[in-house]
C-alpha atoms as a PDB file:
ATOM      1  CA  MET A   1       0.000   0.000   0.000  1.00  0.00           C
ATOM      2  CA  LYS A   2       1.311   3.399  -1.013  1.00  0.00           C
ATOM      3  CA  THR A   3       0.524   6.625   0.808  1.00  0.00           C
ATOM      4  CA  ASP A   4       1.134  10.258  -0.055  1.00  0.00           C
ATOM      5  CA  ARG A   5       3.137  11.879   2.747  1.00  0.00           C
ATOM      6  CA  ASP A   6       1.629  15.296   1.898  1.00  0.00           C
ATOM      7  CA  ALA A   7      -1.941  14.014   2.176  1.00  0.00           C
ATOM      8  CA  ARG A   8      -4.237  13.437   5.122  1.00  0.00           C
ATOM      9  CA  TYR A   9      -6.671  10.544   5.330  1.00  0.00           C
ATOM     10  CA  LEU A  10     -10.133   9.560   6.533  1.00  0.00           C
ATOM     11  CA  SER A  11     -11.072   6.230   8.101  1.00  0.00           C
ATOM     12  CA  SER A  12     -13.346   5.765   5.064  1.00  0.00           C
ATOM     13  CA  HIS A  13     -10.165   5.768   2.890  1.00  0.00           C
ATOM     14  CA  GLU A  14     -10.318   9.142   1.147  1.00  0.00           C
ATOM     15  CA  TRP A  15      -7.254  11.390   0.971  1.00  0.00           C
ATOM     16  CA  ALA A  16      -6.993  15.185   0.932  1.00  0.00           C
ATOM     17  CA  ARG A  17      -3.998  17.337   0.020  1.00  0.00           C
ATOM     18  CA  TRP A  18      -3.515  21.106  -0.113  1.00  0.00           C
ATOM     19  CA  ASP A  19      -2.784  22.609  -3.527  1.00  0.00           C
ATOM     20  CA  GLY A  20      -2.522  26.353  -3.043  1.00  0.00           C
ATOM     21  CA  ASP A  21      -5.795  27.606  -1.538  1.00  0.00           C
ATOM     22  CA  GLU A  22      -7.679  24.493  -2.635  1.00  0.00           C
ATOM     23  CA  VAL A  23      -7.805  20.914  -1.448  1.00  0.00           C
ATOM     24  CA  VAL A  24      -7.564  17.996  -3.873  1.00  0.00           C
ATOM     25  CA  CYS A  25      -9.299  14.765  -2.880  1.00  0.00           C
ATOM     26  CA  GLY A  26      -9.578  11.162  -4.044  1.00  0.00           C
ATOM     27  CA  ILE A  27      -9.561   7.619  -2.667  1.00  0.00           C
ATOM     28  CA  SER A  28      -6.450   6.009  -1.227  1.00  0.00           C
ATOM     29  CA  ASP A  29      -4.268   3.385  -2.836  1.00  0.00           C
ATOM     30  CA  HIS A  30      -5.568   0.923  -0.230  1.00  0.00           C
ATOM     31  CA  ALA A  31      -9.182   1.716  -1.219  1.00  0.00           C
ATOM     32  CA  GLN A  32      -8.606   1.307  -4.948  1.00  0.00           C
ATOM     33  CA  GLU A  33      -6.742  -1.960  -4.292  1.00  0.00           C
ATOM     34  CA  SER A  34      -9.618  -3.277  -2.174  1.00  0.00           C
ATOM     35  CA  LEU A  35     -12.212  -2.282  -4.754  1.00  0.00           C
ATOM     36  CA  SER A  36     -10.232  -3.819  -7.643  1.00  0.00           C
ATOM     37  CA  ASP A  37     -10.961  -2.648 -11.194  1.00  0.00           C
ATOM     38  CA  ILE A  38     -12.857   0.656 -11.077  1.00  0.00           C
ATOM     39  CA  VAL A  39     -15.396   0.958 -13.872  1.00  0.00           C
ATOM     40  CA  TYR A  40     -17.338   4.130 -13.003  1.00  0.00           C
ATOM     41  CA  VAL A  41     -16.995   7.239 -10.859  1.00  0.00           C
ATOM     42  CA  GLU A  42     -19.989   9.483 -10.085  1.00  0.00           C
ATOM     43  CA  MET A  43     -18.965  12.962  -9.022  1.00  0.00           C
ATOM     44  CA  PRO A  44     -20.671  16.176  -7.909  1.00  0.00           C
ATOM     45  CA  GLU A  45     -21.207  19.346  -9.928  1.00  0.00           C
ATOM     46  CA  VAL A  46     -18.811  22.282  -9.752  1.00  0.00           C
ATOM     47  CA  GLY A  47     -20.349  24.754  -7.303  1.00  0.00           C
ATOM     48  CA  ASP A  48     -21.912  22.107  -5.055  1.00  0.00           C
ATOM     49  CA  ILE A  49     -21.356  22.723  -1.343  1.00  0.00           C
ATOM     50  CA  PHE A  50     -20.845  19.913   1.156  1.00  0.00           C
ATOM     51  CA  GLU A  51     -20.235  19.516   4.877  1.00  0.00           C
ATOM     52  CA  LYS A  52     -17.443  17.358   6.257  1.00  0.00           C
ATOM     53  CA  GLY A  53     -18.541  13.708   6.065  1.00  0.00           C
ATOM     54  CA  ASP A  54     -21.172  14.246   3.349  1.00  0.00           C
ATOM     55  CA  THR A  55     -21.233  11.811   0.439  1.00  0.00           C
ATOM     56  CA  PHE A  56     -19.956  13.639  -2.642  1.00  0.00           C
ATOM     57  CA  GLY A  57     -19.848  10.741  -5.092  1.00  0.00           C
ATOM     58  CA  ILE A  58     -19.787   7.026  -5.773  1.00  0.00           C
ATOM     59  CA  VAL A  59     -17.052   4.781  -7.078  1.00  0.00           C
ATOM     60  CA  GLU A  60     -18.077   1.512  -8.725  1.00  0.00           C
ATOM     61  CA  SER A  61     -15.805  -1.432  -9.356  1.00  0.00           C
ATOM     62  CA  VAL A  62     -16.266  -4.950 -10.644  1.00  0.00           C
ATOM     63  CA  LYS A  63     -16.623  -5.944  -6.951  1.00  0.00           C
ATOM     64  CA  ALA A  64     -18.764  -3.232  -5.337  1.00  0.00           C
ATOM     65  CA  ALA A  65     -20.042   0.336  -5.253  1.00  0.00           C
ATOM     66  CA  SER A  66     -18.836   2.648  -2.493  1.00  0.00           C
ATOM     67  CA  ASP A  67     -19.794   6.123  -1.386  1.00  0.00           C
ATOM     68  CA  ILE A  68     -17.030   8.730  -1.348  1.00  0.00           C
ATOM     69  CA  TYR A  69     -17.022  11.173   1.572  1.00  0.00           C
ATOM     70  CA  MET A  70     -15.904  14.778   1.959  1.00  0.00           C
ATOM     71  CA  PRO A  71     -12.788  15.039   4.121  1.00  0.00           C
ATOM     72  CA  MET A  72     -13.689  18.662   4.952  1.00  0.00           C
ATOM     73  CA  GLY A  73     -16.594  20.948   4.258  1.00  0.00           C
ATOM     74  CA  GLY A  74     -16.325  23.108   1.177  1.00  0.00           C
ATOM     75  CA  LYS A  75     -17.386  24.227  -2.286  1.00  0.00           C
ATOM     76  CA  ILE A  76     -16.438  22.105  -5.314  1.00  0.00           C
ATOM     77  CA  THR A  77     -14.245  24.050  -7.768  1.00  0.00           C
ATOM     78  CA  ALA A  78     -13.341  21.214 -10.177  1.00  0.00           C
ATOM     79  CA  VAL A  79     -14.024  17.546 -10.888  1.00  0.00           C
ATOM     80  CA  ASN A  80     -11.671  15.228 -12.736  1.00  0.00           C
ATOM     81  CA  GLU A  81     -13.567  14.887 -16.007  1.00  0.00           C
ATOM     82  CA  ALA A  82     -10.956  12.423 -17.317  1.00  0.00           C
ATOM     83  CA  LEU A  83     -12.505   9.811 -14.988  1.00  0.00           C
ATOM     84  CA  GLU A  84     -15.699   9.794 -17.082  1.00  0.00           C
ATOM     85  CA  ASP A  85     -13.914   8.030 -19.935  1.00  0.00           C
ATOM     86  CA  THR A  86     -11.020   6.456 -18.024  1.00  0.00           C
ATOM     87  CA  PRO A  87     -12.124   5.587 -14.466  1.00  0.00           C
ATOM     88  CA  GLU A  88      -9.177   3.167 -14.261  1.00  0.00           C
ATOM     89  CA  LEU A  89      -6.934   6.210 -13.632  1.00  0.00           C
ATOM     90  CA  VAL A  90      -8.017   5.816  -9.995  1.00  0.00           C
ATOM     91  CA  ASN A  91      -6.419   2.342  -9.989  1.00  0.00           C
ATOM     92  CA  GLN A  92      -3.322   3.441 -11.880  1.00  0.00           C
ATOM     93  CA  ASP A  93      -2.516   6.696 -10.054  1.00  0.00           C
ATOM     94  CA  PRO A  94      -4.823   7.357  -7.065  1.00  0.00           C
ATOM     95  CA  TYR A  95      -2.776  10.319  -5.751  1.00  0.00           C
ATOM     96  CA  GLY A  96      -2.081  11.870  -9.162  1.00  0.00           C
ATOM     97  CA  LYS A  97      -4.137  11.499 -12.338  1.00  0.00           C
ATOM     98  CA  GLY A  98      -6.832   9.624 -10.378  1.00  0.00           C
ATOM     99  CA  TRP A  99      -7.808  12.632  -8.216  1.00  0.00           C
ATOM    100  CA  MET A 100     -11.571  13.181  -8.018  1.00  0.00           C
ATOM    101  CA  ILE A 101     -12.432  16.675  -6.810  1.00  0.00           C
ATOM    102  CA  ARG A 102     -10.920  20.043  -5.905  1.00  0.00           C
ATOM    103  CA  PHE A 103     -12.651  22.300  -3.402  1.00  0.00           C
ATOM    104  CA  ILE A 104     -12.279  25.465  -1.369  1.00  0.00           C
ATOM    105  CA  PRO A 105     -12.609  24.431   2.283  1.00  0.00           C
ATOM    106  CA  SER A 106     -15.103  26.251   4.470  1.00  0.00           C
ATOM    107  CA  ASP A 107     -12.950  25.575   7.563  1.00  0.00           C
ATOM    108  CA  PRO A 108      -9.256  24.963   6.736  1.00  0.00           C
ATOM    109  CA  ALA A 109      -8.645  23.822  10.329  1.00  0.00           C
ATOM    110  CA  GLU A 110     -10.611  20.614   9.576  1.00  0.00           C
ATOM    111  CA  PHE A 111      -7.524  19.418   7.662  1.00  0.00           C
ATOM    112  CA  ASP A 112      -5.571  19.139  10.930  1.00  0.00           C
ATOM    113  CA  ALA A 113      -8.113  16.675  12.336  1.00  0.00           C
ATOM    114  CA  LEU A 114      -7.462  14.151   9.525  1.00  0.00           C
ATOM    115  CA  MET A 115      -4.960  11.283   9.891  1.00  0.00           C
ATOM    116  CA  ASP A 116      -1.463  11.804   8.563  1.00  0.00           C
ATOM    117  CA  ALA A 117       0.102   9.061   6.417  1.00  0.00           C
ATOM    118  CA  SER A 118       1.668   7.228   9.387  1.00  0.00           C
ATOM    119  CA  ALA A 119      -1.573   7.205  11.369  1.00  0.00           C
ATOM    120  CA  TYR A 120      -3.484   6.016   8.286  1.00  0.00           C
ATOM    121  CA  GLU A 121      -0.997   3.197   7.673  1.00  0.00           C
ATOM    122  CA  ALA A 122      -1.414   2.084  11.298  1.00  0.00           C
ATOM    123  CA  PHE A 123      -5.213   2.332  10.964  1.00  0.00           C
ATOM    124  CA  VAL A 124      -5.224   0.123   7.836  1.00  0.00           C
ATOM    125  CA  ALA A 125      -2.882  -2.418   9.451  1.00  0.00           C
ATOM    126  CA  GLU A 126      -5.178  -2.641  12.498  1.00  0.00           C
ATOM    127  CA  GLU A 127      -8.284  -2.861  10.297  1.00  0.00           C
ATOM    128  CA  GLU A 128      -6.802  -5.839   8.419  1.00  0.00           C
ATOM    129  CA  GLU A 129      -6.006  -7.842  11.566  1.00  0.00           C
END
């Protein structure tokens, strides 16, 4: 399992990383590995506003469909439109080309409450026991 040292994580396996004044978000390498081959990603509209913990989309694989949750509250500024035609980018590069949304956080301090990479790795290890 790979992690991004610059990202923070949720127990539901999403990641969030600052990029200037915005936060980029997707699902973790562990999540994409567990789901297997991703065949569809449903995402919100630009301009949608969510609270921390709200479902912002769905990822479907050959195994299952899973909700995707907001790591922080905020307003969506961009969605990764490339995932419409090539959802497998999430499998190939979950922290890069497989990003899902960008948003302006309503409370930047919420980022500090998320797990860092080390805490997330420990969480996943414990979850798999």
